[in-house]
Amino acid sequence: MVGLCQDDMQVCALTRHVRDVTVRTYLVLHHDNPNADSFRMSRSSRIGMPLNMDGGYGSTAVGSGMSGSLGGSETVPLLITDPEPETPKWQPMSKEQLELEAGGPGWRKIRSRLMVFFWLGWLALLGASIAIIVQSPRPVAPTLLWWQSALFYRIQPILLMDAQNEVPGGIDVACEQLPYLKSLGVKALILEGLFHQDASPLDLRKIDERVGTVPQIQQLLMESHNAGIKVVFDFCDLDLFGPKDSVGNDSAVPSDLTGSIQYALRFWLEQGVAGFGICDTDAAYSEKTLTEWRDLVKEFSTSDDERIVVVKQTGESLPALNTSSTSVNSSLVELVMMSLLPHEHHLLSGQEVAIAVERHLSTSHGELWPSWTVGGEASPMLHRILLVLMMTLPGSPVVKYGEEIVNSPNVSADMSWEREADKTNGLNDSVGEQRKLKRSALALFSSLSGSRLREESLLYGSFTFLPFNTTSLPPYSSNSTLAPPSAPVLAFLRSWGCVHFLVLLNLGPEAQALDPAWAPSLPTAGVFVTSTGMNRLGGTSLETLRLQPEEAIVIKLFESGSYAS
């Protein structure tokens, strides 16, 4: 019996060993391949295995000799599984839980204070930005009077008449030209040659019969007013008071003659004339006469319709009046008309034009408001350059009739030729070429007048004359050893705010390239505004710019983030 019991005990131990090996094998295989169905066990087989299996190999009954606590059978668990986790259900957090997660009740106060600090900082930055903008040195646009921003146009009505037409009609033709002048940007019309020059003393209420009549003048004044164009009468070279003595003293002028002149001026001011012009060589150019005229025009002046007195300067400088101070000129005269070129009897060369222009650019005119006209005669190409110069200088430009199309000095002959050319209907090649040049000249003039009206830099911007350095390029001719020296290139800058207009004038017969070291403080990039050849478009760089012979260029430069002083 003892030997049998020992044998049963060995069988039980062997059975437990086989069970353990089976469980380890299952766990290993299940870890490598959890989806292996061949090694999965049912829930009942994994929970327990009876030791007293009936009729099976290795089953045994545990008697009282073994352990009474086991009873008649013993079940040994093969594998105890973890309980399946319960799926959490979402529930909103309570107020206490939120405060606990947010760090406690004091966190609300911290957030409120941080929000207050944020908005206070934002308002402080906004106020500082506004203060910087308000206190920054921005240029303030001055208020210009009409004669300071206007483009003046000189015209002689007698030149508008047909040579074969004996009926007075120069004034009527001038009326017909008003829409054309308005399209060019003309704001003031200076009528010349309205009165007889051989009459002494002169009656300013009578018009030259060859030009028109007083009713025609009144019609012109009414139509020009409707077109927004002022009209100024020119009394230059007229013998208003008789001969003038050597010192310009007109104190001996009879009072009745002075009264007659005053009456005539008052008559035309009542008709709507915007002002009167004289020359600095006339007898009317004196302190006494200018003071009387100034008081008279002020009587008819209003805030938006000021009447003016214009003086045409015939020499290099304006003669001083018979006063202790020469500054009285600016208080008696609104506009001083200056000539860019001296009055010579021959066409001026490029070198002569450059010398005359450079003298004007380097001269200060004090408190006087300048007004520029071409004056002398030059070639058509140089005339175009002078037109660009005149329209970009500080002051009011004065254009003579026909200069916008750059014809020859004899305007009357040119107009009769043009009317004859219109009859050919473009069959003549020269007529077509002339019309092409005229269209190009009109495009240049319109571009300049339009830019001057809308650009603050050209209206009242500062003026800076620039000393220019160029690199002369080889001339077009092969034999250039004995060629005359080329005229210099003139340049100046018109600035307002952060916008600059650079004007370059090449008055010589040779092409010029800009020196890379020239004006290093200027922006190198810009855009073409206009040129005398009307063939410059788009952007450009000063480093690669090349000026053609007898060419003028206007370039608009931009400087971001700063304002010119």
Foldseek 3Di string as FASTA:
>chain_A
DVVVVVVLVVLLVVVVVVLVVLLVVLVVVCVVPVPPPVSDDDPVVQAWDKQQDPPDRSRDFDDVVPPPVCPGIHIDHSDDDDDDDDDDDDDDDDPVVVQVVCPHPCNVVVVVVVVVVVVVVVVVVVVVVVVCVVPPPADDFDDDACQLLFAEEEDELLLVDDPPDQQACSLVVVLVCLVVCVLLRGAEYEYPQQFDQPDPQGQLQAGDRNHHGPVSVLVSLVSCVVSNHAYEYECENHQNQHDADPQLDPPVGDPVSVVSVLVSVLVVVVSRHQEYEYELPYSCNAPVNLVVRQVSQVVSADPRRGRFYEYEYQDPDRDAHPDPDSVVVVVRHQEYEYAQAHADPDADALQRSLVSNVVVQPDDPPNHAYEYDHHYHHALLLLLLVLLVRLQDRHHYYYYPPSLLSDDPSVSVVVVVLVVLVVVVCPDVVSVVSVVSSVLSNVQSSLSSVCSNPPSLRSDFDKAWFDFDWDWDDAPDPDCPPPDDFHDKTWMWRFHFQKIKIKIFRSGQTKIAGDPPGPPVFAQKWFWSAKSRRPGGGIDGSNGDMGHHSMMTITMGGDPDTTDD
